[in-house]
PDB file of N, CA and C in Angstrom:
ATOM      1  N   MET A   1       8.311  29.041   7.827  1.00  0.00           N
ATOM      2  CA  MET A   1       9.129  27.810   7.174  1.00  0.00           C
ATOM      3  C   MET A   1       9.108  28.428   5.681  1.00  0.00           C
ATOM      4  N   LYS A   2      10.282  28.153   4.826  1.00  0.00           N
ATOM      5  CA  LYS A   2      10.180  28.454   3.580  1.00  0.00           C
ATOM      6  C   LYS A   2      10.518  27.109   3.034  1.00  0.00           C
ATOM      7  N   ILE A   3       9.958  26.729   2.384  1.00  0.00           N
ATOM      8  CA  ILE A   3      10.081  25.261   1.464  1.00  0.00           C
ATOM      9  C   ILE A   3      10.592  25.644  -0.294  1.00  0.00           C
ATOM     10  N   LYS A   4      11.356  25.021  -0.443  1.00  0.00           N
ATOM     11  CA  LYS A   4      11.542  24.891  -1.954  1.00  0.00           C
ATOM     12  C   LYS A   4      10.768  23.997  -2.596  1.00  0.00           C
ATOM     13  N   GLU A   5      10.228  24.278  -3.836  1.00  0.00           N
ATOM     14  CA  GLU A   5       9.357  23.331  -4.605  1.00  0.00           C
ATOM     15  C   GLU A   5       9.991  21.910  -4.643  1.00  0.00           C
ATOM     16  N   LYS A   6      11.033  21.896  -5.040  1.00  0.00           N
ATOM     17  CA  LYS A   6      11.792  20.434  -5.008  1.00  0.00           C
ATOM     18  C   LYS A   6      11.978  19.517  -3.807  1.00  0.00           C
ATOM     19  N   GLU A   7      11.772  20.372  -2.683  1.00  0.00           N
ATOM     20  CA  GLU A   7      11.852  19.709  -1.133  1.00  0.00           C
ATOM     21  C   GLU A   7      10.340  19.060  -0.957  1.00  0.00           C
ATOM     22  N   PHE A   8       9.061  19.668  -1.792  1.00  0.00           N
ATOM     23  CA  PHE A   8       7.926  19.080  -1.384  1.00  0.00           C
ATOM     24  C   PHE A   8       8.010  17.523  -1.775  1.00  0.00           C
ATOM     25  N   GLU A   9       8.704  17.332  -3.062  1.00  0.00           N
ATOM     26  CA  GLU A   9       8.442  15.805  -3.148  1.00  0.00           C
ATOM     27  C   GLU A   9       9.288  14.895  -2.154  1.00  0.00           C
ATOM     28  N   ASP A  10      10.405  15.410  -1.697  1.00  0.00           N
ATOM     29  CA  ASP A  10      10.666  14.586  -0.300  1.00  0.00           C
ATOM     30  C   ASP A  10       9.757  14.690   0.813  1.00  0.00           C
ATOM     31  N   ILE A  11       9.002  15.641   1.082  1.00  0.00           N
ATOM     32  CA  ILE A  11       8.036  15.716   2.160  1.00  0.00           C
ATOM     33  C   ILE A  11       6.863  15.046   1.922  1.00  0.00           C
ATOM     34  N   VAL A  12       6.444  14.885   0.569  1.00  0.00           N
ATOM     35  CA  VAL A  12       5.519  13.796   0.186  1.00  0.00           C
ATOM     36  C   VAL A  12       5.737  12.594   0.441  1.00  0.00           C
ATOM     37  N   GLU A  13       7.111  12.110   0.233  1.00  0.00           N
ATOM     38  CA  GLU A  13       7.653  10.609   0.446  1.00  0.00           C
ATOM     39  C   GLU A  13       7.369  10.374   1.826  1.00  0.00           C
ATOM     40  N   GLU A  14       8.130  11.346   2.845  1.00  0.00           N
ATOM     41  CA  GLU A  14       8.002  10.844   4.137  1.00  0.00           C
ATOM     42  C   GLU A  14       6.873  10.959   4.908  1.00  0.00           C
ATOM     43  N   LEU A  15       5.858  12.016   4.170  1.00  0.00           N
ATOM     44  CA  LEU A  15       4.385  11.846   4.978  1.00  0.00           C
ATOM     45  C   LEU A  15       3.697  10.501   4.262  1.00  0.00           C
ATOM     46  N   LYS A  16       4.118   9.997   3.465  1.00  0.00           N
ATOM     47  CA  LYS A  16       3.211   8.937   2.985  1.00  0.00           C
ATOM     48  C   LYS A  16       3.769   7.816   3.731  1.00  0.00           C
ATOM     49  N   GLU A  17       5.174   7.492   4.149  1.00  0.00           N
ATOM     50  CA  GLU A  17       5.642   6.712   4.881  1.00  0.00           C
ATOM     51  C   GLU A  17       5.099   6.646   6.206  1.00  0.00           C
ATOM     52  N   LEU A  18       4.793   8.025   6.776  1.00  0.00           N
ATOM     53  CA  LEU A  18       4.280   8.246   7.927  1.00  0.00           C
ATOM     54  C   LEU A  18       2.672   7.491   8.265  1.00  0.00           C
ATOM     55  N   ALA A  19       2.057   7.666   7.011  1.00  0.00           N
ATOM     56  CA  ALA A  19       0.785   7.208   6.804  1.00  0.00           C
ATOM     57  C   ALA A  19       0.720   5.755   6.814  1.00  0.00           C
ATOM     58  N   LYS A  20       1.838   5.225   6.415  1.00  0.00           N
ATOM     59  CA  LYS A  20       1.826   3.668   6.156  1.00  0.00           C
ATOM     60  C   LYS A  20       1.873   3.304   7.735  1.00  0.00           C
ATOM     61  N   GLN A  21       2.899   4.000   8.181  1.00  0.00           N
ATOM     62  CA  GLN A  21       3.132   3.785   9.740  1.00  0.00           C
ATOM     63  C   GLN A  21       1.889   3.438  10.641  1.00  0.00           C
ATOM     64  N   LEU A  22       0.988   4.424  10.213  1.00  0.00           N
ATOM     65  CA  LEU A  22      -0.440   4.970  11.190  1.00  0.00           C
ATOM     66  C   LEU A  22      -1.482   3.804  10.537  1.00  0.00           C
ATOM     67  N   GLY A  23      -1.091   3.035   9.796  1.00  0.00           N
ATOM     68  CA  GLY A  23      -2.129   1.944   9.219  1.00  0.00           C
ATOM     69  C   GLY A  23      -3.332   2.620   7.970  1.00  0.00           C
ATOM     70  N   ALA A  24      -2.493   3.530   7.508  1.00  0.00           N
ATOM     71  CA  ALA A  24      -3.371   4.576   6.258  1.00  0.00           C
ATOM     72  C   ALA A  24      -2.918   3.908   4.847  1.00  0.00           C
ATOM     73  N   THR A  25      -3.767   3.748   4.029  1.00  0.00           N
ATOM     74  CA  THR A  25      -3.478   3.666   2.604  1.00  0.00           C
ATOM     75  C   THR A  25      -3.484   5.165   1.958  1.00  0.00           C
ATOM     76  N   VAL A  26      -2.522   5.345   1.128  1.00  0.00           N
ATOM     77  CA  VAL A  26      -2.483   6.731   0.451  1.00  0.00           C
ATOM     78  C   VAL A  26      -2.819   6.208  -1.100  1.00  0.00           C
ATOM     79  N   ARG A  27      -3.707   7.007  -1.416  1.00  0.00           N
ATOM     80  CA  ARG A  27      -4.304   6.884  -3.198  1.00  0.00           C
ATOM     81  C   ARG A  27      -4.363   8.064  -3.938  1.00  0.00           C
ATOM     82  N   PHE A  28      -3.611   7.882  -5.013  1.00  0.00           N
ATOM     83  CA  PHE A  28      -3.657   9.123  -5.968  1.00  0.00           C
ATOM     84  C   PHE A  28      -4.633   8.764  -6.868  1.00  0.00           C
ATOM     85  N   GLU A  29      -5.648   9.531  -6.889  1.00  0.00           N
ATOM     86  CA  GLU A  29      -6.856   9.235  -8.032  1.00  0.00           C
ATOM     87  C   GLU A  29      -7.260  10.770  -9.030  1.00  0.00           C
ATOM     88  N   LYS A  30      -7.605  10.369 -10.145  1.00  0.00           N
ATOM     89  CA  LYS A  30      -8.259  11.146 -11.005  1.00  0.00           C
ATOM     90  C   LYS A  30      -9.482  11.757 -10.391  1.00  0.00           C
ATOM     91  N   GLY A  31     -10.103  13.147 -10.352  1.00  0.00           N
ATOM     92  CA  GLY A  31     -11.249  13.164 -10.296  1.00  0.00           C
ATOM     93  C   GLY A  31     -11.390  14.847  -9.792  1.00  0.00           C
ATOM     94  N   ASP A  32     -12.588  15.338  -9.662  1.00  0.00           N
ATOM     95  CA  ASP A  32     -12.987  16.773  -9.493  1.00  0.00           C
ATOM     96  C   ASP A  32     -13.024  16.809  -7.878  1.00  0.00           C
ATOM     97  N   PHE A  33     -12.081  16.867  -7.204  1.00  0.00           N
ATOM     98  CA  PHE A  33     -12.076  16.708  -5.447  1.00  0.00           C
ATOM     99  C   PHE A  33     -10.329  17.090  -5.482  1.00  0.00           C
ATOM    100  N   ASN A  34     -10.573  17.540  -3.936  1.00  0.00           N
ATOM    101  CA  ASN A  34      -9.276  17.808  -3.523  1.00  0.00           C
ATOM    102  C   ASN A  34      -8.521  16.831  -2.752  1.00  0.00           C
ATOM    103  N   GLY A  35      -9.262  16.264  -2.067  1.00  0.00           N
ATOM    104  CA  GLY A  35      -8.766  14.788  -1.121  1.00  0.00           C
ATOM    105  C   GLY A  35      -8.757  15.053   0.062  1.00  0.00           C
ATOM    106  N   GLY A  36      -8.618  14.011   1.084  1.00  0.00           N
ATOM    107  CA  GLY A  36      -8.558  14.182   2.451  1.00  0.00           C
ATOM    108  C   GLY A  36      -8.437  12.812   2.784  1.00  0.00           C
ATOM    109  N   TYR A  37      -8.620  12.687   4.244  1.00  0.00           N
ATOM    110  CA  TYR A  37      -8.809  11.050   5.013  1.00  0.00           C
ATOM    111  C   TYR A  37     -10.369  10.876   4.999  1.00  0.00           C
ATOM    112  N   CYS A  38     -10.248   9.667   4.891  1.00  0.00           N
ATOM    113  CA  CYS A  38     -11.595   8.862   5.228  1.00  0.00           C
ATOM    114  C   CYS A  38     -11.588   7.471   5.716  1.00  0.00           C
ATOM    115  N   LEU A  39     -12.890   6.957   6.120  1.00  0.00           N
ATOM    116  CA  LEU A  39     -12.481   5.459   6.385  1.00  0.00           C
ATOM    117  C   LEU A  39     -13.481   4.774   5.287  1.00  0.00           C
ATOM    118  N   LEU A  40     -12.860   3.773   4.631  1.00  0.00           N
ATOM    119  CA  LEU A  40     -13.551   2.967   3.699  1.00  0.00           C
ATOM    120  C   LEU A  40     -13.616   1.614   4.048  1.00  0.00           C
ATOM    121  N   LYS A  41     -14.992   1.129   4.486  1.00  0.00           N
ATOM    122  CA  LYS A  41     -15.040  -0.301   4.956  1.00  0.00           C
ATOM    123  C   LYS A  41     -14.111  -0.484   6.031  1.00  0.00           C
ATOM    124  N   GLU A  42     -13.745   0.029   6.878  1.00  0.00           N
ATOM    125  CA  GLU A  42     -13.129   0.248   8.245  1.00  0.00           C
ATOM    126  C   GLU A  42     -11.392   0.304   7.842  1.00  0.00           C
ATOM    127  N   SER A  43     -11.240   0.601   6.316  1.00  0.00           N
ATOM    128  CA  SER A  43      -9.789   0.806   6.404  1.00  0.00           C
ATOM    129  C   SER A  43      -9.592   2.471   6.158  1.00  0.00           C
ATOM    130  N   LYS A  44      -8.624   2.953   6.659  1.00  0.00           N
ATOM    131  CA  LYS A  44      -8.311   4.242   6.698  1.00  0.00           C
ATOM    132  C   LYS A  44      -7.427   4.462   5.538  1.00  0.00           C
ATOM    133  N   VAL A  45      -7.971   5.536   4.679  1.00  0.00           N
ATOM    134  CA  VAL A  45      -7.619   5.761   3.327  1.00  0.00           C
ATOM    135  C   VAL A  45      -7.410   7.197   3.204  1.00  0.00           C
ATOM    136  N   ILE A  46      -6.293   7.949   2.674  1.00  0.00           N
ATOM    137  CA  ILE A  46      -6.275   9.132   2.324  1.00  0.00           C
ATOM    138  C   ILE A  46      -5.891   9.264   0.793  1.00  0.00           C
ATOM    139  N   VAL A  47      -6.967   9.945   0.425  1.00  0.00           N
ATOM    140  CA  VAL A  47      -7.169  10.068  -1.233  1.00  0.00           C
ATOM    141  C   VAL A  47      -6.671  11.681  -1.455  1.00  0.00           C
ATOM    142  N   ILE A  48      -6.088  11.659  -2.711  1.00  0.00           N
ATOM    143  CA  ILE A  48      -5.428  12.685  -3.154  1.00  0.00           C
ATOM    144  C   ILE A  48      -5.513  12.753  -4.742  1.00  0.00           C
ATOM    145  N   ASN A  49      -5.800  13.902  -5.145  1.00  0.00           N
ATOM    146  CA  ASN A  49      -5.957  14.327  -6.367  1.00  0.00           C
ATOM    147  C   ASN A  49      -4.698  14.251  -7.090  1.00  0.00           C
ATOM    148  N   LYS A  50      -4.740  13.334  -8.174  1.00  0.00           N
ATOM    149  CA  LYS A  50      -3.239  12.929  -8.456  1.00  0.00           C
ATOM    150  C   LYS A  50      -2.892  14.218  -9.724  1.00  0.00           C
ATOM    151  N   MET A  51      -3.560  15.195  -9.970  1.00  0.00           N
ATOM    152  CA  MET A  51      -3.550  16.377 -10.651  1.00  0.00           C
ATOM    153  C   MET A  51      -3.070  17.419 -10.109  1.00  0.00           C
ATOM    154  N   ALA A  52      -3.200  17.358  -8.629  1.00  0.00           N
ATOM    155  CA  ALA A  52      -2.829  18.389  -7.937  1.00  0.00           C
ATOM    156  C   ALA A  52      -1.211  18.678  -7.947  1.00  0.00           C
ATOM    157  N   ASN A  53      -0.759  19.858  -7.447  1.00  0.00           N
ATOM    158  CA  ASN A  53       0.677  20.192  -7.544  1.00  0.00           C
ATOM    159  C   ASN A  53       1.076  19.614  -6.322  1.00  0.00           C
ATOM    160  N   THR A  54       2.261  19.410  -5.899  1.00  0.00           N
ATOM    161  CA  THR A  54       3.248  18.654  -4.862  1.00  0.00           C
ATOM    162  C   THR A  54       3.131  19.432  -3.783  1.00  0.00           C
ATOM    163  N   GLN A  55       3.096  20.644  -3.793  1.00  0.00           N
ATOM    164  CA  GLN A  55       2.661  21.583  -2.512  1.00  0.00           C
ATOM    165  C   GLN A  55       1.150  21.118  -2.162  1.00  0.00           C
ATOM    166  N   LYS A  56       0.318  21.067  -3.026  1.00  0.00           N
ATOM    167  CA  LYS A  56      -1.055  20.948  -2.316  1.00  0.00           C
ATOM    168  C   LYS A  56      -1.093  19.381  -1.856  1.00  0.00           C
ATOM    169  N   LYS A  57      -0.325  18.500  -2.523  1.00  0.00           N
ATOM    170  CA  LYS A  57      -0.508  16.929  -2.047  1.00  0.00           C
ATOM    171  C   LYS A  57       0.218  17.223  -0.538  1.00  0.00           C
ATOM    172  N   ALA A  58       1.303  17.680  -0.342  1.00  0.00           N
ATOM    173  CA  ALA A  58       1.768  17.796   0.701  1.00  0.00           C
ATOM    174  C   ALA A  58       0.684  18.297   2.033  1.00  0.00           C
ATOM    175  N   MET A  59       0.082  19.245   1.315  1.00  0.00           N
ATOM    176  CA  MET A  59      -1.000  20.011   2.326  1.00  0.00           C
ATOM    177  C   MET A  59      -2.152  19.073   2.805  1.00  0.00           C
ATOM    178  N   ILE A  60      -2.525  18.164   1.662  1.00  0.00           N
ATOM    179  CA  ILE A  60      -3.620  17.267   2.226  1.00  0.00           C
ATOM    180  C   ILE A  60      -3.085  16.167   2.779  1.00  0.00           C
ATOM    181  N   LEU A  61      -1.893  15.815   2.686  1.00  0.00           N
ATOM    182  CA  LEU A  61      -1.193  14.878   3.460  1.00  0.00           C
ATOM    183  C   LEU A  61      -1.166  15.120   4.831  1.00  0.00           C
ATOM    184  N   ALA A  62      -0.571  16.411   5.082  1.00  0.00           N
ATOM    185  CA  ALA A  62      -0.518  16.836   6.459  1.00  0.00           C
ATOM    186  C   ALA A  62      -1.808  17.012   7.039  1.00  0.00           C
ATOM    187  N   ALA A  63      -2.463  17.506   6.541  1.00  0.00           N
ATOM    188  CA  ALA A  63      -3.861  17.625   7.341  1.00  0.00           C
ATOM    189  C   ALA A  63      -4.702  16.277   7.632  1.00  0.00           C
ATOM    190  N   ALA A  64      -4.550  15.476   6.631  1.00  0.00           N
ATOM    191  CA  ALA A  64      -5.032  13.706   7.221  1.00  0.00           C
ATOM    192  C   ALA A  64      -4.197  13.305   8.131  1.00  0.00           C
ATOM    193  N   LEU A  65      -2.737  13.724   8.093  1.00  0.00           N
ATOM    194  CA  LEU A  65      -2.020  12.929   9.076  1.00  0.00           C
ATOM    195  C   LEU A  65      -2.301  13.483  10.734  1.00  0.00           C
ATOM    196  N   LYS A  66      -2.623  14.903  10.654  1.00  0.00           N
ATOM    197  CA  LYS A  66      -2.796  15.566  11.798  1.00  0.00           C
ATOM    198  C   LYS A  66      -4.634  14.980  12.360  1.00  0.00           C
ATOM    199  N   GLU A  67      -5.346  14.729  11.387  1.00  0.00           N
ATOM    200  CA  GLU A  67      -6.758  14.086  11.435  1.00  0.00           C
ATOM    201  C   GLU A  67      -6.449  12.762  12.271  1.00  0.00           C
ATOM    202  N   LEU A  68      -5.623  11.913  11.584  1.00  0.00           N
ATOM    203  CA  LEU A  68      -5.314  10.507  12.202  1.00  0.00           C
ATOM    204  C   LEU A  68      -4.826  10.414  13.526  1.00  0.00           C
ATOM    205  N   GLY A  69      -4.250  11.882  14.020  1.00  0.00           N
ATOM    206  CA  GLY A  69      -3.496  11.786  15.413  1.00  0.00           C
ATOM    207  C   GLY A  69      -2.074  11.393  15.557  1.00  0.00           C
ATOM    208  N   VAL A  70      -1.273  12.312  15.375  1.00  0.00           N
ATOM    209  CA  VAL A  70       0.216  12.019  15.233  1.00  0.00           C
ATOM    210  C   VAL A  70       0.956  12.673  16.617  1.00  0.00           C
ATOM    211  N   GLU A  71       0.060  13.073  17.604  1.00  0.00           N
ATOM    212  CA  GLU A  71       0.636  13.615  18.689  1.00  0.00           C
ATOM    213  C   GLU A  71       1.372  12.377  19.698  1.00  0.00           C
ATOM    214  N   GLN A  72       1.150  11.357  19.507  1.00  0.00           N
ATOM    215  CA  GLN A  72       1.563  10.349  20.489  1.00  0.00           C
ATOM    216  C   GLN A  72       2.886   9.448  19.749  1.00  0.00           C
ATOM    217  N   ILE A  73       3.055   9.729  18.639  1.00  0.00           N
ATOM    218  CA  ILE A  73       4.339   9.272  18.009  1.00  0.00           C
ATOM    219  C   ILE A  73       5.425   9.970  17.749  1.00  0.00           C
ATOM    220  N   PHE A  74       6.510   9.213  17.586  1.00  0.00           N
ATOM    221  CA  PHE A  74       7.998  10.195  17.621  1.00  0.00           C
ATOM    222  C   PHE A  74       7.788  10.881  16.072  1.00  0.00           C
ATOM    223  N   LEU A  75       8.204  12.036  16.008  1.00  0.00           N
ATOM    224  CA  LEU A  75       8.072  12.579  14.413  1.00  0.00           C
ATOM    225  C   LEU A  75       9.545  13.203  14.403  1.00  0.00           C
ATOM    226  N   THR A  76      10.204  13.434  13.626  1.00  0.00           N
ATOM    227  CA  THR A  76      11.437  14.315  13.289  1.00  0.00           C
ATOM    228  C   THR A  76      10.879  16.089  13.667  1.00  0.00           C
ATOM    229  N   PRO A  77      11.347  16.817  14.423  1.00  0.00           N
ATOM    230  CA  PRO A  77      10.994  17.988  14.366  1.00  0.00           C
ATOM    231  C   PRO A  77      10.703  18.764  12.774  1.00  0.00           C
ATOM    232  N   LYS A  78      11.484  18.524  11.882  1.00  0.00           N
ATOM    233  CA  LYS A  78      10.976  19.116  10.890  1.00  0.00           C
ATOM    234  C   LYS A  78       9.609  18.585  10.191  1.00  0.00           C
ATOM    235  N   ILE A  79       9.351  17.508  10.619  1.00  0.00           N
ATOM    236  CA  ILE A  79       8.046  16.789   9.961  1.00  0.00           C
ATOM    237  C   ILE A  79       6.931  17.244  10.806  1.00  0.00           C
ATOM    238  N   ARG A  80       7.165  17.111  12.091  1.00  0.00           N
ATOM    239  CA  ARG A  80       6.226  17.628  13.070  1.00  0.00           C
ATOM    240  C   ARG A  80       5.760  19.367  12.689  1.00  0.00           C
ATOM    241  N   GLU A  81       6.805  20.158  12.468  1.00  0.00           N
ATOM    242  CA  GLU A  81       6.349  21.183  11.998  1.00  0.00           C
ATOM    243  C   GLU A  81       5.950  21.495  10.843  1.00  0.00           C
ATOM    244  N   ILE A  82       6.295  20.728   9.801  1.00  0.00           N
ATOM    245  CA  ILE A  82       5.510  20.513   8.545  1.00  0.00           C
ATOM    246  C   ILE A  82       4.227  20.455   8.748  1.00  0.00           C
ATOM    247  N   ILE A  83       3.996  19.542   9.356  1.00  0.00           N
ATOM    248  CA  ILE A  83       2.262  19.147   9.515  1.00  0.00           C
ATOM    249  C   ILE A  83       1.662  20.231  10.032  1.00  0.00           C
ATOM    250  N   GLU A  84       2.352  20.820  11.517  1.00  0.00           N
ATOM    251  CA  GLU A  84       1.476  21.861  12.133  1.00  0.00           C
ATOM    252  C   GLU A  84       1.547  23.059  11.131  1.00  0.00           C
ATOM    253  N   GLU A  85       2.081  23.311  10.205  1.00  0.00           N
ATOM    254  CA  GLU A  85       2.182  24.531   9.343  1.00  0.00           C
ATOM    255  C   GLU A  85       1.650  24.136   8.120  1.00  0.00           C
ATOM    256  N   LEU A  86       1.223  23.152   7.547  1.00  0.00           N
ATOM    257  CA  LEU A  86       0.654  22.962   6.396  1.00  0.00           C
ATOM    258  C   LEU A  86      -0.806  22.451   6.603  1.00  0.00           C
ATOM    259  N   SER A  87      -1.077  21.790   7.836  1.00  0.00           N
ATOM    260  CA  SER A  87      -2.503  21.619   7.969  1.00  0.00           C
ATOM    261  C   SER A  87      -3.422  22.403   8.377  1.00  0.00           C
TER     262      SER A  87
END
């Protein structure tokens, strides 16, 4: 799948909304890390380096959502394909 840079912004927003539906909080922080999914005091948190480019943010979100488990929920075919390809 070929995705244009401009489309990644919309993808990140859709993935953030999906994370919210799954009960996870998405945080953008500065630091020397890539990011990913973790549990923080029993809360689901996806932390992403705010300095990463939009494509990298989408990749981190996709991998985190796959780890959270999206198999049993309805996703548009486009979003499901993105999660499979980017993670």
